[in-house]
Protein backbone atom coordinates (compact mmCIF):
# COMPACT_ATOMS: atom_id res chain seq x y z
CA MET A 1 8.54 11.47 -22.92
CA MET A 2 7.85 9.03 -20.11
CA THR A 3 10.33 6.19 -19.82
CA GLN A 4 9.44 2.57 -19.29
CA LEU A 5 10.30 3.07 -15.62
CA GLY A 6 8.03 6.09 -15.40
CA ARG A 7 5.11 4.21 -16.92
CA ARG A 8 5.69 1.23 -14.64
CA LEU A 9 5.77 3.33 -11.48
CA ALA A 10 2.79 5.39 -12.65
CA VAL A 11 0.82 2.15 -12.75
CA ALA A 12 1.99 1.46 -9.22
CA ALA A 13 0.66 4.86 -8.17
CA ALA A 14 -2.73 4.06 -9.67
CA LEU A 15 -2.84 0.76 -7.83
CA LEU A 16 -1.87 2.45 -4.59
CA ALA A 17 -4.65 4.97 -5.02
CA LEU A 18 -7.15 2.15 -5.34
CA GLY A 19 -6.19 0.49 -2.11
CA MET A 20 -2.88 1.69 -0.61
CA SER A 21 -0.48 -1.17 -1.20
CA ALA A 22 1.85 -1.47 -2.00
CA GLY A 23 2.86 -2.75 -0.90
CA SER A 24 2.33 -1.43 0.27
CA ALA A 25 0.40 -2.39 3.39
CA ALA A 26 -1.54 -2.88 6.49
CA ASN A 27 -3.90 -0.50 8.29
CA PRO A 28 -1.96 0.91 11.25
CA VAL A 29 -3.82 2.81 13.93
CA PRO A 30 -3.61 6.54 13.13
CA LYS A 31 -1.55 7.90 16.04
CA PRO A 32 0.53 11.10 15.91
CA ALA A 33 3.35 9.41 13.98
CA PRO A 34 1.38 6.72 12.08
CA LYS A 35 0.48 6.32 8.46
CA PRO A 36 -3.03 4.90 8.25
CA ALA A 37 -4.82 3.71 5.14
CA THR A 38 -7.82 5.78 4.14
CA GLY A 39 -10.36 3.01 3.75
CA ASP A 40 -11.18 3.60 0.10
CA ALA A 41 -14.10 1.20 -0.03
CA ALA A 42 -17.25 2.77 -1.44
CA ALA A 43 -19.94 3.58 1.10
CA THR A 44 -22.19 0.59 1.60
CA GLY A 45 -24.52 2.00 4.18
CA LYS A 46 -23.68 -0.94 6.41
CA SER A 47 -21.74 -0.77 9.65
CA THR A 48 -18.98 -3.25 10.37
CA ALA A 49 -18.80 -2.25 14.03
CA SER A 50 -18.24 -4.92 16.62
CA ALA A 51 -21.18 -5.87 18.80
CA GLU A 52 -19.18 -4.56 21.79
CA THR A 53 -20.95 -6.92 24.18
CA PRO A 54 -17.71 -7.44 26.14
CA ALA A 55 -17.37 -3.67 26.41
CA ALA A 56 -20.38 -3.07 28.62
CA GLU A 57 -18.25 -1.67 31.43
CA ALA A 58 -16.30 0.53 29.06
CA GLU A 59 -19.53 1.89 27.58
CA LYS A 60 -20.76 2.86 31.05
CA ALA A 61 -17.74 5.08 31.48
CA VAL A 62 -18.45 6.96 28.29
CA PRO A 63 -20.66 10.03 28.46
CA ARG A 64 -23.80 9.56 26.39
CA PHE A 65 -22.54 11.97 23.80
CA GLN A 66 -24.68 12.51 20.74
CA PRO A 67 -22.73 14.50 18.15
CA PRO A 68 -24.75 17.38 16.72
CA LEU A 69 -25.36 17.55 13.01
CA ASP A 70 -22.31 18.95 11.26
CA PRO A 71 -22.98 20.75 7.96
CA THR A 72 -19.66 19.50 6.58
CA LEU A 73 -20.64 15.85 6.90
CA GLY A 74 -21.97 14.09 3.84
CA VAL A 75 -20.59 16.68 1.44
CA PRO A 76 -17.15 16.94 -0.18
CA PRO A 77 -14.88 19.27 1.81
CA PRO A 78 -13.47 22.41 0.21
CA SER A 79 -10.07 22.61 -1.41
CA ALA A 80 -7.19 21.73 0.91
CA GLY A 81 -5.34 24.85 -0.10
CA LEU A 82 -2.09 25.52 1.79
CA LEU A 83 -1.68 23.20 4.74
CA PRO A 84 0.21 24.17 7.91
CA SER A 85 3.87 23.23 7.98
CA PRO A 86 5.28 21.00 10.76
CA ASP A 87 6.91 24.05 12.37
CA GLU A 88 3.64 25.94 12.34
CA LEU A 89 1.84 23.03 13.95
CA LEU A 90 4.44 22.63 16.69
CA ARG A 91 4.56 26.38 17.38
CA SER A 92 0.79 26.36 17.78
CA GLY A 93 1.06 23.75 20.53
CA ARG A 94 -1.26 21.33 18.69
CA GLY A 95 -0.38 17.68 18.42
CA MET A 96 2.19 17.79 21.24
CA ASP A 97 0.14 16.12 23.98
CA ASP A 98 1.34 12.50 24.11
CA ASP A 99 -1.86 11.20 25.69
CA VAL A 100 -4.22 12.91 23.24
CA GLY A 101 -6.83 10.44 22.11
CA ASP A 102 -5.57 7.57 24.26
CA PRO A 103 -9.03 6.51 25.54
CA ALA A 104 -10.34 6.56 21.97
CA PHE A 105 -7.37 4.69 20.56
CA GLY A 106 -7.48 2.20 23.40
CA ALA A 107 -11.10 1.43 22.60
CA PHE A 108 -10.29 1.32 18.88
CA GLN A 109 -7.50 -1.21 19.38
CA ARG A 110 -9.81 -3.47 21.43
CA GLY A 111 -12.50 -3.31 18.75
CA TYR A 112 -14.92 -1.14 20.77
CA TYR A 113 -15.59 1.15 17.85
CA LEU A 114 -18.69 2.97 19.14
CA THR A 115 -16.83 3.80 22.33
CA ALA A 116 -13.86 4.98 20.29
CA PHE A 117 -16.15 7.13 18.16
CA ARG A 118 -17.70 8.84 21.18
CA TYR A 119 -14.38 9.64 22.82
CA ALA A 120 -12.80 10.75 19.54
CA MET A 121 -15.78 12.87 18.47
CA ALA A 122 -15.81 14.74 21.79
CA ARG A 123 -12.13 15.63 21.42
CA ALA A 124 -12.42 16.27 17.70
CA GLN A 125 -15.12 18.85 18.25
CA ALA A 126 -12.87 20.44 20.86
CA GLY A 127 -10.29 20.90 18.10
CA ASP A 128 -7.86 18.00 18.53
CA PRO A 129 -6.52 17.08 15.04
CA ILE A 130 -5.47 13.55 15.98
CA SER A 131 -8.97 12.74 17.18
CA LYS A 132 -10.39 14.18 13.95
CA THR A 133 -8.23 11.71 12.05
CA LEU A 134 -9.60 8.82 14.08
CA VAL A 135 -13.18 9.98 13.50
CA ALA A 136 -12.38 10.10 9.79
CA ARG A 137 -11.06 6.57 9.79
CA LEU A 138 -14.08 5.25 11.63
CA TYR A 139 -16.34 6.84 9.02
CA ALA A 140 -14.13 5.59 6.17
CA GLU A 141 -14.30 1.98 7.31
CA GLY A 142 -17.80 2.02 8.80
CA LEU A 143 -16.58 1.09 12.27
CA GLY A 144 -19.14 1.96 14.94
CA VAL A 145 -20.91 4.34 12.57
CA LYS A 146 -22.56 4.12 9.17
CA GLN A 147 -19.85 4.08 6.54
CA SER A 148 -19.50 7.33 4.62
CA ILE A 149 -16.43 8.20 2.59
CA LYS A 150 -17.71 11.76 2.23
CA ALA A 151 -17.94 12.16 5.99
CA ALA A 152 -14.47 10.64 6.29
CA ALA A 153 -13.13 13.11 3.74
CA ALA A 154 -14.65 16.02 5.64
CA TRP A 155 -13.00 14.95 8.89
CA TYR A 156 -9.68 14.10 7.25
CA GLN A 157 -9.87 17.58 5.71
CA GLN A 158 -10.29 19.24 9.09
CA ALA A 159 -7.46 17.20 10.61
CA ALA A 160 -5.17 17.88 7.65
CA LEU A 161 -5.77 21.62 7.87
CA ALA A 162 -5.06 21.38 11.60
CA GLY A 163 -1.67 19.88 10.73
CA ASP A 164 -1.95 16.13 11.37
CA PRO A 165 0.41 14.43 8.88
CA ALA A 166 -1.57 11.17 8.92
CA ALA A 167 -4.63 13.09 7.75
CA GLN A 168 -2.58 14.96 5.15
CA MET A 169 -1.45 11.62 3.76
CA ALA A 170 -5.03 10.35 3.78
CA MET A 171 -6.29 13.46 1.96
CA GLY A 172 -3.61 12.97 -0.67
CA ILE A 173 -4.90 9.46 -1.38
CA LEU A 174 -8.52 10.67 -1.47
CA TYR A 175 -7.68 13.42 -3.95
CA LEU A 176 -5.59 11.01 -6.01
CA ASP A 177 -8.43 8.52 -6.21
CA GLY A 178 -11.38 10.93 -6.21
CA LYS A 179 -13.02 9.31 -3.18
CA GLY A 180 -15.18 11.71 -1.12
CA VAL A 181 -13.68 14.64 -3.02
CA LYS A 182 -13.31 15.64 -6.64
CA LYS A 183 -10.30 13.90 -8.15
CA ASP A 184 -7.41 16.37 -8.21
CA LYS A 185 -3.86 15.14 -8.61
CA ALA A 186 -2.39 18.59 -7.95
CA LYS A 187 -4.11 18.83 -4.55
CA ALA A 188 -2.97 15.27 -3.85
CA ALA A 189 0.60 16.36 -4.48
CA ASP A 190 0.17 19.34 -2.12
CA ALA A 191 -1.12 17.05 0.62
CA PHE A 192 1.68 14.52 0.07
CA GLU A 193 4.19 17.37 0.20
CA GLN A 194 2.94 18.35 3.66
CA ALA A 195 2.99 14.79 4.99
CA ALA A 196 6.41 14.19 3.44
CA ALA A 197 7.73 17.13 5.46
CA TRP A 198 7.08 14.91 8.48
CA ASN A 199 9.05 12.09 6.82
CA ASP A 200 5.92 10.04 6.20
CA PRO A 201 7.29 7.18 4.04
CA ALA A 202 4.04 6.57 2.15
CA ALA A 203 3.76 10.27 1.30
CA GLU A 204 7.39 10.38 0.17
CA TYR A 205 6.79 7.41 -2.10
CA ASN A 206 3.63 8.85 -3.63
CA LEU A 207 5.23 12.25 -4.11
CA GLY A 208 8.20 10.56 -5.79
CA LEU A 209 5.83 8.90 -8.26
CA LEU A 210 4.30 12.28 -9.10
CA TYR A 211 7.73 13.83 -9.69
CA LEU A 212 8.62 10.88 -11.90
CA GLU A 213 5.37 11.22 -13.83
CA GLY A 214 5.84 14.95 -14.42
CA GLU A 215 2.18 15.94 -14.69
CA VAL A 216 1.43 18.03 -11.59
CA ARG A 217 5.04 18.41 -10.51
CA PRO A 218 7.95 19.18 -12.82
CA ARG A 219 9.40 15.90 -14.04
CA ASP A 220 12.47 15.40 -11.90
CA SER A 221 13.91 11.89 -11.68
CA GLU A 222 16.61 13.00 -9.22
CA LYS A 223 13.99 14.42 -6.86
CA ALA A 224 11.95 11.23 -7.27
CA ALA A 225 15.00 9.11 -6.43
CA GLN A 226 15.68 11.21 -3.33
CA LEU A 227 12.10 10.76 -2.14
CA PHE A 228 12.17 7.02 -2.86
CA SER A 229 15.45 6.80 -0.95
CA ARG A 230 14.00 8.57 2.10
CA SER A 231 10.94 6.32 2.03
CA ALA A 232 12.93 3.13 1.41
CA GLY A 233 15.21 4.03 4.31
CA GLN A 234 12.16 3.79 6.55
CA GLY A 235 11.24 0.34 5.22
CA ASN A 236 8.58 1.16 2.61
CA ILE A 237 8.76 -1.86 0.31
CA ASP A 238 7.18 -0.09 -2.66
CA ALA A 239 9.85 2.59 -2.41
CA GLU A 240 12.56 -0.08 -2.10
CA TYR A 241 11.32 -1.65 -5.33
CA ALA A 242 11.05 1.73 -7.08
CA LEU A 243 14.56 2.68 -6.00
CA ALA A 244 15.87 -0.62 -7.33
CA GLN A 245 14.31 0.21 -10.70
CA MET A 246 15.97 3.63 -10.68
CA TYR A 247 19.42 2.11 -10.06
CA SER A 248 18.72 -0.65 -12.56
CA GLU A 249 18.06 1.89 -15.33
CA GLY A 250 20.33 4.71 -14.15
CA GLU A 251 17.45 7.17 -13.93
CA GLY A 252 17.95 9.95 -11.38
CA VAL A 253 20.91 8.00 -9.97
CA VAL A 254 24.01 6.31 -11.35
CA LEU A 255 23.37 2.96 -13.00
CA ASP A 256 24.50 0.35 -10.48
CA ASP A 257 23.39 -3.28 -10.69
CA GLY A 258 24.80 -4.03 -7.25
CA ILE A 259 22.74 -1.33 -5.52
CA ALA A 260 19.71 -2.28 -7.61
CA ALA A 261 20.05 -5.89 -6.47
CA LEU A 262 20.50 -4.78 -2.86
CA TRP A 263 17.19 -2.87 -2.84
CA LEU A 264 15.42 -5.63 -4.77
CA GLY A 265 16.60 -8.10 -2.14
CA LYS A 266 15.27 -5.93 0.67
CA ALA A 267 11.87 -5.58 -1.00
CA ALA A 268 11.79 -9.28 -1.87
CA LYS A 269 12.48 -10.32 1.71
CA ALA A 270 9.70 -7.98 2.87
CA GLY A 271 7.19 -9.71 0.58
CA HIS A 272 7.06 -7.59 -2.59
CA THR A 273 6.22 -10.21 -5.24
CA ASP A 274 7.52 -8.25 -8.25
CA ALA A 275 10.77 -7.74 -6.37
CA GLN A 276 10.92 -11.46 -5.56
CA LEU A 277 10.59 -12.27 -9.26
CA GLU A 278 13.19 -9.73 -10.40
CA TYR A 279 15.59 -10.62 -7.59
CA GLY A 280 15.27 -14.27 -8.65
CA ILE A 281 16.09 -13.31 -12.25
CA ARG A 282 19.18 -11.41 -11.08
CA LEU A 283 20.31 -14.39 -9.04
CA TYR A 284 19.68 -16.72 -11.97
CA ASN A 285 21.72 -14.53 -14.33
CA GLY A 286 24.28 -13.29 -11.82
CA ALA A 287 23.39 -9.63 -12.44
CA GLY A 288 24.59 -7.49 -9.54
CA VAL A 289 24.79 -10.56 -7.29
CA PRO A 290 26.68 -13.86 -7.46
CA LYS A 291 24.93 -16.36 -9.69
CA ASP A 292 22.84 -18.79 -7.62
CA ALA A 293 20.29 -20.94 -9.46
CA VAL A 294 19.08 -22.62 -6.26
CA ALA A 295 18.30 -19.29 -4.57
CA ALA A 296 16.73 -18.01 -7.80
CA ALA A 297 14.37 -20.99 -7.94
CA GLY A 298 13.41 -20.37 -4.34
CA TRP A 299 12.44 -16.76 -5.09
CA PHE A 300 10.51 -17.83 -8.20
CA ARG A 301 8.60 -20.30 -6.04
CA ARG A 302 7.75 -17.71 -3.37
CA ALA A 303 6.49 -15.22 -5.94
CA ALA A 304 4.61 -17.97 -7.79
CA GLU A 305 2.86 -19.09 -4.63
CA ALA A 306 1.96 -15.45 -3.93
CA GLY A 307 0.13 -15.35 -7.27
CA ASN A 308 2.56 -13.61 -9.64
CA PRO A 309 1.85 -15.10 -13.13
CA VAL A 310 5.29 -14.27 -14.58
CA ALA A 311 6.98 -15.90 -11.58
CA GLN A 312 4.72 -18.93 -12.03
CA ASN A 313 5.96 -19.15 -15.62
CA ARG A 314 9.61 -18.83 -14.55
CA TYR A 315 9.19 -21.43 -11.83
CA ALA A 316 7.56 -23.80 -14.32
CA ARG A 317 10.60 -23.46 -16.58
CA VAL A 318 13.17 -24.23 -13.88
CA LEU A 319 11.09 -27.22 -12.78
CA ALA A 320 10.92 -28.42 -16.38
CA ILE A 321 14.67 -28.25 -16.96
CA GLY A 322 15.79 -28.99 -13.40
CA MET A 323 17.79 -25.76 -12.95
CA GLY A 324 18.21 -24.99 -9.24
CA VAL A 325 15.61 -27.62 -8.33
CA ALA A 326 15.09 -31.28 -9.05
CA PRO A 327 13.22 -31.81 -12.35
CA ASP A 328 9.48 -32.22 -11.81
CA PRO A 329 7.50 -32.39 -15.07
CA VAL A 330 4.10 -32.58 -13.39
CA ALA A 331 4.78 -29.58 -11.13
CA ALA A 332 6.17 -27.68 -14.13
CA ALA A 333 2.99 -28.39 -16.08
CA LYS A 334 0.85 -27.39 -13.10
CA TRP A 335 2.52 -23.98 -12.75
CA HIS A 336 2.43 -23.42 -16.51
CA MET A 337 -1.32 -24.07 -16.53
CA ILE A 338 -1.86 -21.68 -13.63
CA ALA A 339 0.26 -18.98 -15.28
CA ALA A 340 -1.40 -19.46 -18.67
CA LYS A 341 -4.84 -19.09 -17.11
CA ALA A 342 -3.67 -15.72 -15.70
CA GLY A 343 -2.45 -14.63 -19.12
CA ALA A 344 1.27 -15.57 -19.02
CA LYS A 345 1.60 -17.61 -22.21
CA ASP A 346 4.70 -19.65 -23.10
CA GLY A 347 5.00 -21.63 -26.31
CA TRP A 348 8.04 -23.59 -25.12
CA LEU A 349 6.13 -24.82 -22.08
CA ASP A 350 3.10 -25.61 -24.27
CA ASP A 351 5.33 -27.98 -26.24
CA PHE A 352 6.83 -29.39 -23.03
CA VAL A 353 3.39 -30.20 -21.58
CA ALA A 354 2.20 -31.70 -24.89
CA LYS A 355 4.98 -34.30 -24.65
CA LEU A 356 3.93 -35.49 -21.20
CA SER A 357 1.91 -38.65 -20.76
CA ASP A 358 -1.85 -38.44 -20.42
CA ALA A 359 -1.57 -39.42 -16.77
CA GLU A 360 1.00 -36.67 -16.07
CA ARG A 361 -1.10 -34.01 -17.80
CA LYS A 362 -4.21 -35.13 -15.90
CA SER A 363 -2.35 -34.94 -12.60
CA ALA A 364 -1.06 -31.46 -13.45
CA GLN A 365 -4.55 -30.30 -14.44
CA ASP A 366 -6.03 -31.58 -11.20
CA GLN A 367 -3.36 -29.80 -9.16
CA ALA A 368 -3.78 -26.57 -11.12
CA GLN A 369 -7.54 -26.62 -10.66
CA SER A 370 -7.21 -27.07 -6.90
CA TRP A 371 -4.72 -24.18 -6.56
CA PRO A 372 -4.65 -22.24 -4.34
CA ALA A 373 -5.47 -24.68 -1.62
CA LYS A 374 -8.43 -23.51 0.44
CA GLY A 375 -8.11 -23.10 4.17
């Protein structure tokens, strides 16, 4: 039976599949050691490529390469099957050339996406897995070429089978979300397993969620905790938060409020809003950390301003009673109204706001309606 922790982290996995986030995160350039997002947006048929006017000289240096029609493009790729291990890839000599793809990545980083596509496609068709990954990303995001998630999946597939861990991670997300391929959580787990062998923190986190869920991997909370720990050790904030939950509940690890608070603090400082809220609660109650109402209010405020409705409710309460901050009835009412609109109801705060003067309520309503400030 899935625990509360398991259900909570399973939801996180679903959210990650929809957009990689976790926390999750930015879109790093897919180099040999990188962990790029897959660009899960549905194909729009529109290109977001830059005009590349400043790149006229760069374009002149690029051979007028017109990629031939590839029968794998536009159709879902076949099953990933068994992917090469890191040792197999290194023994083959693939992926060891430090300057592989540099002209393509240089153009990519400057926003010259058509130039990047031409360089990357030439090397991809020559068999370079890293260049195949870049071609896949360009298709996924519609950069320099017409956006096609199916074409992206086909190229990620080729790169993954050639042993590129960034592509293996990307294929895992595609299989998890059913984008460009038939949804298949078991194949996603296989792909994450391969990328995790390269210590890819996003793959370790996702694989940990699947072990915690127990559907396509045997349910193993200790294995999940180990994977979260490896990922958190590399700075993955979603894994830091997940590991904090494990220590908080004693699942897969010993129950330890101090260690739970430590990981929550790390994730909170890195911008994880749920961690900011829970770290604030621990500071407020003195659970695993020294009690500090002022610091707690500060974390509630940060999470509230980031849009967390529960944190908005908590911040409204401390403003109402003046715990850790100076009392501010209007600000308390403002945050309560914002939280209530997002679904975080609070009867005590309803009563508090009802006792304010008409002028105070009107001021709070005006402030709530203008939040967040534009620009």
